[in-house]
Every structure is written in structure tokens, then in C-alpha cells.
Amino acid sequence: MTMTPAAPLPLLVLGQGRDLHSERGVECPGDLPSPSDPDLVARARAAKEALGDKVFVLGHHYQRNEVIELADVTGDSFKLAKEAAARPDAPWIVFCGVHFMAESADILTSDEQTVILPDLAAGCSMADMAAIAQVEDCWDELVAAGVADDTVPVTYMNSSAAIKAFTGRYGGTICTSSNARTALTWALDRTGGVDGTGKVLFLPDQHLGRNTWARDLGRSLDDCVVWDPHRPMGGLTVEQLRDARMILWRGHCSVHGRFTTEAVAAARAEIPGVKVIVHPECRHEVVELADEVGSTEKIIQTIAAAPAGTAWAVGTELNLVQRLAQMFPEQRIAFLEKNVCYCSTMNRIDLPHLVWALESLVEGRVVNPIRVDEQVAADARRALDQMLALPGETSKD
């Protein structure tokens, strides 16, 4: 896919100043890494051609352009995992994303296929905020508090295989940001319905859980408590746990958690007639101020369908926002936050790592295979299958 030069993004002023508020970090670098040597592009294409149908390259929307241009399919994490499973004749799946995504692809593909992550350091800060030992300890505390029998775990796709497996063992379901409302409704129906007294343990992104409960289901924020795994009893009392309907894990996306209400106000002040569109991983107060809220796929579809001349301030990962500005030059597309950088872990999948992975396959060597333990995979698959059985759309996150 050939990209045309993009107009400057009016709100994109990176790396200026510091902000030590929680979830916002400090200074970030002002520029994306420079494109790789053109020789690497030729080497990557030559390796792909030599491998032919034996390799299938998946590219997540948040990858840099030079990686996306080499992908056979682009999309969000669960869509890509399903695409891999739909290519059983490809023995090698090269996943240009992060670790939890490659795990999901390994769970959903056959034993004859091998999923490869070009850089094993490509992780997800959100997924890392819920370690399996912490989650098991949390469940033990819920049992001790007498509320576990009325609690169903719902786990966001952006989680490790071990947390998905925990969810499967305890009768819960996985969700994406597109079907979180459906997943919550299903979970609550198992314990008396939305108007009942049953609870959901929502892992690992507190913001998606809170936004789905309050915005999509129209329920009170007073029903939500946040479980902090670094504090005894999650920092909560038994009474708080018994009164709560949503037990939100204290996790967040290190990119989406940084967007602020001040950024929304600045966009409205600086861009006449702007529409603000954000991902539901953003904080609740930001989501409440936005004109549109939706998954990465929905953001793309919404902007693609908008009339020429529409102005957008987009609250999601920088690589995608820049790509949207290039794809739709007839619209005015700005990055919502002035002090947010791209997803650093996603960007570990660069062209040198991708070339190394592909050329190694040409030479008969499989590098960085992702293999989920058989029992963990079986339990996680149970939770994923439950999601697939939910009504409505499940292929976008």
C-alpha cells in the first residue's frame, strides 16, 4: 500500500514538557524511529517471495508503516488471530504485534502451525499489569469474602494466555472492546441479570470495564470498585466487595490512559467543528466528552465513512492516527493529545527484526516461536469459545 505525504497534524506536539500524573508517565520522544535502510525492504520482500504460501504475515494496526506494508492482513488482535486460524495451510504465522496477540494466535491455530513473534520483547503493559499469581490471590480473597459464587470473570482480549485460562477455569468469557457490553450482559445474566446482585471481575483494563458498565449499560459508577493487586484485599473492605457490581482490576493501556479532558478541550478550541473520537480504553471522563467512542476498527470505519472536510481529533495510537491522515487527506485528522507518544512495545517489531525472522525461515530456522502450554491453551480456548458463542460481533477489539 503506497502512502501519500500527510499534512501536519495540528495537535501533534510530542515530547514537550512533563506530566507526572498517574498513568501519564513523563517526557516522551518527539519523533518516530526513522525508516529502515531501503535494502531491508528489498530483503523482506525477497524472503516473503521465497517462502510463498508457507508464511502468513499479520500486521496490527498500531505497527509502523514499513511493517504494515509487508503484512498479508492487517487488523486488530482477535481478528488477526482468527485470520491465522483460517490459513491452516500456512505452517508459519509471523505475527507483527505483541506477545499476548501471538499467544491467542497459537491457541486458535493448529498444532501443525507455528506462530512467530519477531521480537520477544514486544509485550503489552496492560497485559503485564495482571499476573496470574495476583489474579489467583484475588479470587481467593473473593472466596474468603463470600462473593466468589456470585462473581463471573470477564477478561479483555488484551491479556496473557494465563489470565484467559483463569477465566475459562472459572466459567467466564473473553471480550473485545466491540462486544464488551454483550459479554458483561451474558456474565450478569448468569447471576440474576443486570438489575440483580451478581458481580463481574473485569480484567485487566479498568477503563474499558468502567466505560462499558456506565456508558453502554447506563449503570452507576458507584457500583464500581477498583482492585489494586499491590494492596492487601485489593485495598477494599469486605463490605465494599459485597456492595459492588463491577470489580475492576487496576490496569490500563499506557497509551489510551494518557488522553485527558484538557486535550479534548484544546481540540475543540483549536479546530473549528472538530469531532472527537476515542477508544474505550480511555479514561471515563474523556470518553464522556467524546463525540464517538469505539474500537480501532470502528475508528477506521467511522473516519472512512465521513464526508470530505470533516475534522477529527483521534484518541488512539499515534501510528494509526498518522496512517489515517495519509489515507484520508480530504479530511483534517489530528492526534488528540499533545504529549503522548506511540506504543513503544508495539514498535519493537521493526523491519530488522521482521527481516531476521523471515530470512531465518528461508534458511530453515524457526526463531522466536510462541507456544502456549497445552493445559493453559485448553482452558483459555474454553473462554475464547464462550466469547465466540456470544451474539453479535466478536472479531474486532
Protein backbone atom coordinates (compact mmCIF):
# COMPACT_ATOMS: atom_id res chain seq x y z
CA MET A 1 0.00 0.00 0.00
CA THR A 2 1.53 3.33 -1.10
CA MET A 3 1.21 6.18 1.36
CA THR A 4 0.88 9.79 0.20
CA PRO A 5 2.57 12.53 2.26
CA ALA A 6 0.40 13.63 5.15
CA ALA A 7 -0.44 17.17 6.14
CA PRO A 8 0.90 18.20 9.56
CA LEU A 9 -1.31 17.17 12.46
CA PRO A 10 -2.24 20.38 14.26
CA LEU A 11 -2.22 18.94 17.78
CA LEU A 12 0.84 16.73 17.37
CA VAL A 13 3.49 18.36 19.51
CA LEU A 14 5.33 15.50 21.17
CA GLY A 15 7.98 15.45 23.85
CA GLN A 16 7.40 18.96 25.20
CA GLY A 17 7.17 19.22 28.96
CA ARG A 18 6.44 16.74 31.71
CA ASP A 19 3.33 15.38 33.34
CA LEU A 20 3.71 13.23 36.42
CA HIS A 21 0.04 12.43 36.91
CA SER A 22 -0.78 8.76 37.31
CA GLU A 23 -0.98 6.84 34.03
CA ARG A 24 0.74 9.63 32.11
CA GLY A 25 4.44 8.99 32.58
CA VAL A 26 6.99 11.69 31.85
CA GLU A 27 8.56 13.06 28.67
CA CYS A 28 8.31 11.01 25.50
CA PRO A 29 10.46 11.21 22.39
CA GLY A 30 9.25 13.61 19.77
CA ASP A 31 9.68 11.51 16.66
CA LEU A 32 9.05 8.01 15.49
CA PRO A 33 12.15 5.99 14.59
CA SER A 34 13.38 6.80 11.10
CA PRO A 35 12.55 4.32 8.34
CA SER A 36 14.96 1.45 7.92
CA ASP A 37 17.52 1.17 5.15
CA PRO A 38 15.67 0.54 1.84
CA ASP A 39 17.83 -2.56 1.41
CA LEU A 40 15.89 -4.15 4.26
CA VAL A 41 12.62 -3.65 2.40
CA ALA A 42 14.04 -5.50 -0.61
CA ARG A 43 15.36 -8.28 1.61
CA ALA A 44 11.99 -8.67 3.36
CA ARG A 45 10.14 -8.87 0.05
CA ALA A 46 12.66 -11.37 -1.33
CA ALA A 47 12.30 -13.59 1.74
CA LYS A 48 8.50 -13.47 1.55
CA GLU A 49 8.61 -14.38 -2.13
CA ALA A 50 10.95 -17.29 -1.43
CA LEU A 51 8.65 -18.61 1.31
CA GLY A 52 5.50 -18.19 -0.76
CA ASP A 53 2.32 -19.59 0.79
CA LYS A 54 4.29 -21.20 3.62
CA VAL A 55 4.36 -17.91 5.53
CA PHE A 56 1.48 -15.64 6.51
CA VAL A 57 2.36 -12.22 7.91
CA LEU A 58 -0.10 -10.46 10.23
CA GLY A 59 0.18 -6.73 10.98
CA HIS A 60 -1.60 -5.00 13.84
CA HIS A 61 -2.98 -1.52 13.12
CA TYR A 62 -0.51 0.05 15.57
CA GLN A 63 2.55 -1.16 13.68
CA ARG A 64 4.71 1.33 11.80
CA ASN A 65 4.04 1.72 8.07
CA GLU A 66 7.11 -0.13 6.83
CA VAL A 67 5.92 -3.23 8.68
CA ILE A 68 2.26 -2.83 7.69
CA GLU A 69 3.26 -2.67 4.02
CA LEU A 70 4.69 -6.19 4.29
CA ALA A 71 1.65 -7.69 6.04
CA ASP A 72 -0.73 -10.04 4.24
CA VAL A 73 -3.57 -8.96 6.53
CA THR A 74 -3.96 -6.00 8.89
CA GLY A 75 -6.39 -5.64 11.76
CA ASP A 76 -6.91 -5.83 15.50
CA SER A 77 -5.61 -8.62 17.68
CA PHE A 78 -8.53 -11.07 17.69
CA LYS A 79 -9.29 -10.51 14.02
CA LEU A 80 -5.67 -11.34 13.21
CA ALA A 81 -5.70 -14.48 15.37
CA LYS A 82 -8.83 -15.65 13.54
CA GLU A 83 -7.19 -14.86 10.19
CA ALA A 84 -4.26 -17.06 11.19
CA ALA A 85 -6.60 -19.91 12.12
CA ALA A 86 -8.28 -19.53 8.74
CA ARG A 87 -4.97 -20.27 6.96
CA PRO A 88 -4.30 -23.88 8.05
CA ASP A 89 -2.05 -24.49 5.03
CA ALA A 90 0.46 -21.85 6.17
CA PRO A 91 2.92 -23.58 8.52
CA TRP A 92 4.45 -20.31 9.70
CA ILE A 93 2.49 -17.35 11.06
CA VAL A 94 4.60 -14.24 11.59
CA PHE A 95 2.68 -12.00 13.99
CA CYS A 96 3.68 -8.35 13.90
CA GLY A 97 2.02 -7.34 17.12
CA VAL A 98 2.68 -8.04 20.80
CA HIS A 99 3.09 -11.15 22.89
CA PHE A 100 -0.50 -11.72 24.06
CA MET A 101 -1.69 -11.49 20.45
CA ALA A 102 0.76 -14.15 19.34
CA GLU A 103 -0.40 -16.34 22.23
CA SER A 104 -4.02 -16.02 21.09
CA ALA A 105 -2.99 -16.95 17.55
CA ASP A 106 -1.15 -20.02 18.86
CA ILE A 107 -4.24 -21.08 20.83
CA LEU A 108 -6.52 -20.74 17.81
CA THR A 109 -4.24 -22.27 15.18
CA SER A 110 -3.47 -25.95 14.62
CA ASP A 111 -0.59 -27.93 16.11
CA GLU A 112 0.98 -28.06 12.66
CA GLN A 113 1.34 -24.26 12.58
CA THR A 114 3.97 -22.20 14.38
CA VAL A 115 3.38 -18.60 15.43
CA ILE A 116 6.49 -16.41 15.37
CA LEU A 117 6.92 -13.08 17.18
CA PRO A 118 9.83 -11.20 15.53
CA ASP A 119 10.87 -9.60 18.83
CA LEU A 120 10.07 -11.35 22.11
CA ALA A 121 10.38 -8.01 23.92
CA ALA A 122 7.20 -6.81 22.19
CA GLY A 123 4.88 -7.02 25.15
CA CYS A 124 1.86 -5.12 26.43
CA SER A 125 1.99 -3.02 29.58
CA MET A 126 -1.72 -3.57 30.19
CA ALA A 127 -1.45 -7.35 29.94
CA ASP A 128 1.55 -7.26 32.26
CA MET A 129 -0.50 -5.47 34.95
CA ALA A 130 -2.36 -8.70 35.74
CA ALA A 131 -0.01 -11.54 36.70
CA ILE A 132 -1.62 -14.94 37.16
CA ALA A 133 -0.44 -15.24 40.78
CA GLN A 134 -2.05 -11.88 41.57
CA VAL A 135 -5.32 -12.87 39.94
CA GLU A 136 -5.42 -16.21 41.74
CA ASP A 137 -4.80 -14.38 45.04
CA CYS A 138 -7.65 -12.00 44.21
CA TRP A 139 -10.02 -14.91 43.60
CA ASP A 140 -9.01 -16.48 46.91
CA GLU A 141 -9.89 -13.20 48.63
CA LEU A 142 -13.27 -13.13 46.88
CA VAL A 143 -13.90 -16.66 48.13
CA ALA A 144 -12.95 -15.61 51.66
CA ALA A 145 -15.26 -12.59 51.42
CA GLY A 146 -18.12 -14.86 50.37
CA VAL A 147 -18.70 -13.22 46.99
CA ALA A 148 -16.93 -15.56 44.55
CA ASP A 149 -20.04 -17.67 43.92
CA ASP A 150 -21.82 -14.55 42.66
CA THR A 151 -18.87 -13.33 40.55
CA VAL A 152 -18.12 -14.13 36.91
CA PRO A 153 -14.74 -13.18 35.41
CA VAL A 154 -14.74 -11.27 32.14
CA THR A 155 -11.32 -10.76 30.63
CA TYR A 156 -10.36 -8.36 27.87
CA MET A 157 -8.58 -9.84 24.87
CA ASN A 158 -5.54 -7.74 25.84
CA SER A 159 -4.39 -10.25 28.44
CA SER A 160 -1.96 -13.10 28.77
CA ALA A 161 -2.88 -16.70 27.95
CA ALA A 162 -2.62 -17.50 31.66
CA ILE A 163 -5.31 -14.93 32.53
CA LYS A 164 -7.53 -16.17 29.71
CA ALA A 165 -7.06 -19.68 31.11
CA PHE A 166 -8.06 -18.47 34.59
CA THR A 167 -11.21 -17.04 33.04
CA GLY A 168 -12.01 -20.33 31.35
CA ARG A 169 -11.48 -22.32 34.56
CA TYR A 170 -13.93 -20.13 36.47
CA GLY A 171 -16.67 -20.11 33.85
CA GLY A 172 -16.12 -16.66 32.40
CA THR A 173 -15.67 -15.22 28.94
CA ILE A 174 -13.23 -13.13 26.94
CA CYS A 175 -14.37 -9.87 25.37
CA THR A 176 -13.17 -7.32 22.86
CA SER A 177 -13.87 -3.61 23.02
CA SER A 178 -16.57 -4.17 20.41
CA ASN A 179 -18.54 -6.78 22.33
CA ALA A 180 -17.77 -5.87 25.96
CA ARG A 181 -21.40 -4.87 26.55
CA THR A 182 -22.62 -8.23 25.27
CA ALA A 183 -20.04 -10.07 27.38
CA LEU A 184 -20.99 -8.17 30.55
CA THR A 185 -24.69 -8.78 29.95
CA TRP A 186 -24.03 -12.50 29.48
CA ALA A 187 -21.95 -12.66 32.67
CA LEU A 188 -24.55 -10.82 34.74
CA ASP A 189 -27.36 -12.96 33.34
CA ARG A 190 -25.65 -15.92 34.98
CA THR A 191 -26.13 -14.33 38.41
CA GLY A 192 -29.56 -12.73 38.24
CA GLY A 193 -29.23 -10.18 35.44
CA VAL A 194 -28.10 -6.57 35.14
CA ASP A 195 -30.63 -5.50 37.77
CA GLY A 196 -29.63 -8.29 40.15
CA THR A 197 -26.83 -8.50 42.69
CA GLY A 198 -24.29 -10.57 40.76
CA LYS A 199 -20.80 -9.26 40.10
CA VAL A 200 -18.18 -9.20 37.38
CA LEU A 201 -14.44 -9.35 37.95
CA PHE A 202 -13.22 -7.38 34.93
CA LEU A 203 -9.61 -7.91 33.86
CA PRO A 204 -7.19 -6.23 33.18
CA ASP A 205 -8.36 -2.82 31.89
CA GLN A 206 -10.33 -0.83 34.42
CA HIS A 207 -11.31 1.84 31.89
CA LEU A 208 -12.98 -0.47 29.38
CA GLY A 209 -14.87 -2.14 32.22
CA ARG A 210 -15.97 1.15 33.75
CA ASN A 211 -16.97 2.67 30.41
CA THR A 212 -18.96 -0.39 29.40
CA TRP A 213 -20.80 -0.51 32.74
CA ALA A 214 -21.62 3.21 32.90
CA ARG A 215 -21.83 4.30 29.25
CA ASP A 216 -23.12 1.20 27.48
CA LEU A 217 -25.28 -0.29 30.23
CA GLY A 218 -26.27 3.02 31.83
CA ARG A 219 -25.35 1.92 35.33
CA SER A 220 -23.92 3.92 38.23
CA LEU A 221 -20.22 4.43 38.77
CA ASP A 222 -20.98 3.89 42.45
CA ASP A 223 -21.33 0.19 41.62
CA CYS A 224 -17.65 0.01 40.60
CA VAL A 225 -14.65 -0.67 42.83
CA VAL A 226 -11.02 -0.99 41.76
CA TRP A 227 -8.97 -3.97 42.90
CA ASP A 228 -5.34 -2.95 43.45
CA PRO A 229 -3.20 -6.12 43.36
CA HIS A 230 -0.42 -4.37 45.27
CA ARG A 231 -2.55 -3.77 48.38
CA PRO A 232 -3.97 -6.26 50.91
CA MET A 233 -7.50 -7.28 49.91
CA GLY A 234 -7.05 -5.14 46.82
CA GLY A 235 -7.33 -2.06 49.02
CA LEU A 236 -11.02 -2.85 49.62
CA THR A 237 -13.19 -3.92 52.54
CA VAL A 238 -15.43 -6.94 52.60
CA GLU A 239 -18.42 -4.57 52.65
CA GLN A 240 -17.19 -2.78 49.52
CA LEU A 241 -16.80 -6.09 47.72
CA ARG A 242 -20.27 -7.22 48.74
CA ASP A 243 -21.86 -3.95 47.62
CA ALA A 244 -20.00 -3.75 44.29
CA ARG A 245 -21.30 -4.98 40.94
CA MET A 246 -18.11 -4.35 38.95
CA ILE A 247 -14.77 -5.32 40.47
CA LEU A 248 -12.32 -3.59 38.14
CA TRP A 249 -8.70 -4.70 38.01
CA ARG A 250 -6.28 -1.80 38.42
CA GLY A 251 -4.84 -1.95 34.92
CA HIS A 252 -4.81 0.39 31.95
CA CYS A 253 -3.36 0.97 28.50
CA SER A 254 -0.22 3.07 28.72
CA VAL A 255 -1.23 4.92 25.54
CA HIS A 256 -5.01 5.31 25.85
CA GLY A 257 -4.81 6.04 29.58
CA ARG A 258 -2.91 9.25 28.82
CA PHE A 259 -5.61 11.13 26.92
CA THR A 260 -7.08 13.92 29.03
CA THR A 261 -10.12 16.16 29.25
CA GLU A 262 -7.75 19.09 28.71
CA ALA A 263 -6.76 17.59 25.36
CA VAL A 264 -10.42 17.34 24.35
CA ALA A 265 -10.99 20.98 25.32
CA ALA A 266 -7.88 22.05 23.37
CA ALA A 267 -9.02 20.19 20.27
CA ARG A 268 -12.43 21.89 20.37
CA ALA A 269 -10.79 25.28 20.86
CA GLU A 270 -8.17 24.88 18.11
CA ILE A 271 -10.06 23.04 15.37
CA PRO A 272 -13.42 24.52 14.29
CA GLY A 273 -16.19 21.95 14.08
CA VAL A 274 -13.94 19.11 15.22
CA LYS A 275 -15.35 15.72 16.13
CA VAL A 276 -13.52 13.86 18.89
CA ILE A 277 -13.33 10.07 18.52
CA VAL A 278 -11.61 7.93 21.16
CA HIS A 279 -11.03 4.31 22.09
CA PRO A 280 -12.98 2.90 25.09
CA GLU A 281 -9.68 2.15 26.83
CA CYS A 282 -9.54 5.90 27.52
CA ARG A 283 -10.49 7.21 30.94
CA HIS A 284 -14.19 7.62 31.65
CA GLU A 285 -14.14 11.42 31.79
CA VAL A 286 -12.51 11.54 28.35
CA VAL A 287 -14.99 9.07 26.87
CA GLU A 288 -17.87 11.13 28.26
CA LEU A 289 -16.64 14.22 26.38
CA ALA A 290 -16.07 12.47 23.04
CA ASP A 291 -18.44 12.59 20.09
CA GLU A 292 -17.71 9.00 19.09
CA VAL A 293 -16.28 6.05 21.02
CA GLY A 294 -15.22 2.77 19.52
CA SER A 295 -12.69 0.07 18.81
CA THR A 296 -9.77 0.61 16.50
CA GLU A 297 -11.75 -0.91 13.64
CA LYS A 298 -14.72 1.34 14.39
CA ILE A 299 -12.49 4.41 14.43
CA ILE A 300 -11.17 3.49 10.99
CA GLN A 301 -14.64 2.77 9.61
CA THR A 302 -16.15 5.95 11.06
CA ILE A 303 -13.49 8.21 9.57
CA ALA A 304 -13.60 6.34 6.24
CA ALA A 305 -17.34 6.97 6.01
CA ALA A 306 -17.19 10.65 6.98
CA PRO A 307 -17.69 13.37 4.35
CA ALA A 308 -14.72 15.24 2.91
CA GLY A 309 -13.79 18.23 5.02
CA THR A 310 -14.68 16.61 8.34
CA ALA A 311 -12.27 17.46 11.15
CA TRP A 312 -11.31 14.74 13.62
CA ALA A 313 -9.24 14.64 16.79
CA VAL A 314 -8.44 10.95 17.29
CA GLY A 315 -7.64 9.40 20.65
CA THR A 316 -5.77 6.22 19.84
CA GLU A 317 -2.24 5.06 18.98
CA LEU A 318 -0.11 7.50 17.02
CA ASN A 319 0.95 5.21 14.17
CA LEU A 320 -2.69 4.58 13.26
CA VAL A 321 -3.63 8.27 13.51
CA GLN A 322 -0.80 9.23 11.19
CA ARG A 323 -1.84 6.49 8.77
CA LEU A 324 -5.44 7.72 8.81
CA ALA A 325 -4.23 11.23 7.97
CA GLN A 326 -2.38 9.79 4.98
CA MET A 327 -5.28 7.61 3.87
CA PHE A 328 -7.89 10.37 4.08
CA PRO A 329 -6.18 13.63 3.07
CA GLU A 330 -9.57 15.17 2.25
CA GLN A 331 -10.30 15.20 5.99
CA ARG A 332 -8.49 17.08 8.75
CA ILE A 333 -7.20 14.43 11.13
CA ALA A 334 -5.31 15.37 14.30
CA PHE A 335 -3.80 13.40 17.14
CA LEU A 336 -5.82 14.22 20.24
CA GLU A 337 -3.08 14.50 22.86
CA LYS A 338 -0.10 16.85 22.62
CA ASN A 339 2.09 14.86 24.99
CA VAL A 340 1.56 11.20 24.08
CA CYS A 341 3.97 9.02 22.17
CA TYR A 342 3.36 5.88 20.13
CA CYS A 343 3.09 2.42 21.74
CA SER A 344 6.75 1.68 22.41
CA THR A 345 6.29 -2.07 22.90
CA MET A 346 4.29 -2.47 19.70
CA ASN A 347 7.02 -0.61 17.84
CA ARG A 348 9.64 -3.14 18.87
CA ILE A 349 8.50 -5.08 15.81
CA ASP A 350 10.65 -3.20 13.33
CA LEU A 351 11.95 -4.09 9.90
CA PRO A 352 15.29 -5.50 11.09
CA HIS A 353 13.50 -7.99 13.37
CA LEU A 354 10.98 -8.89 10.67
CA VAL A 355 13.71 -9.46 8.09
CA TRP A 356 15.62 -11.62 10.58
CA ALA A 357 12.54 -13.76 11.23
CA LEU A 358 11.73 -14.19 7.53
CA GLU A 359 15.29 -14.87 6.39
CA SER A 360 15.72 -17.38 9.19
CA LEU A 361 12.70 -19.28 7.84
CA VAL A 362 14.25 -19.24 4.37
CA GLU A 363 17.35 -20.82 5.91
CA GLY A 364 15.24 -23.47 7.66
CA ARG A 365 15.42 -21.99 11.16
CA VAL A 366 12.37 -21.02 13.23
CA VAL A 367 13.13 -18.15 15.59
CA ASN A 368 11.02 -16.87 18.48
CA PRO A 369 8.23 -19.46 18.31
CA ILE A 370 5.29 -18.76 20.62
CA ARG A 371 3.94 -21.91 22.22
CA VAL A 372 1.30 -21.86 24.95
CA ASP A 373 1.27 -24.69 27.47
CA GLU A 374 -1.25 -27.34 26.45
CA GLN A 375 -3.41 -27.12 29.58
CA VAL A 376 -3.28 -23.32 29.63
CA ALA A 377 -4.29 -23.29 25.97
CA ALA A 378 -7.22 -25.65 26.63
CA ASP A 379 -8.56 -23.51 29.48
CA ALA A 380 -8.04 -20.29 27.52
CA ARG A 381 -9.75 -21.80 24.49
CA ARG A 382 -12.80 -22.51 26.67
CA ALA A 383 -13.10 -18.81 27.47
CA LEU A 384 -12.48 -17.81 23.86
CA ASP A 385 -15.09 -20.29 22.64
CA GLN A 386 -17.56 -18.77 25.09
CA MET A 387 -16.92 -15.38 23.52
CA LEU A 388 -17.43 -16.82 20.06
CA ALA A 389 -20.78 -18.15 21.23
CA LEU A 390 -21.98 -14.69 22.28
CA PRO A 391 -24.38 -12.93 19.93
CA GLY A 392 -23.15 -10.12 17.72
CA GLU A 393 -19.72 -9.06 16.53
CA THR A 394 -16.65 -10.61 18.13
CA SER A 395 -13.91 -10.08 15.56
CA LYS A 396 -12.83 -6.56 16.47
CA ASP A 397 -11.09 -5.27 19.59
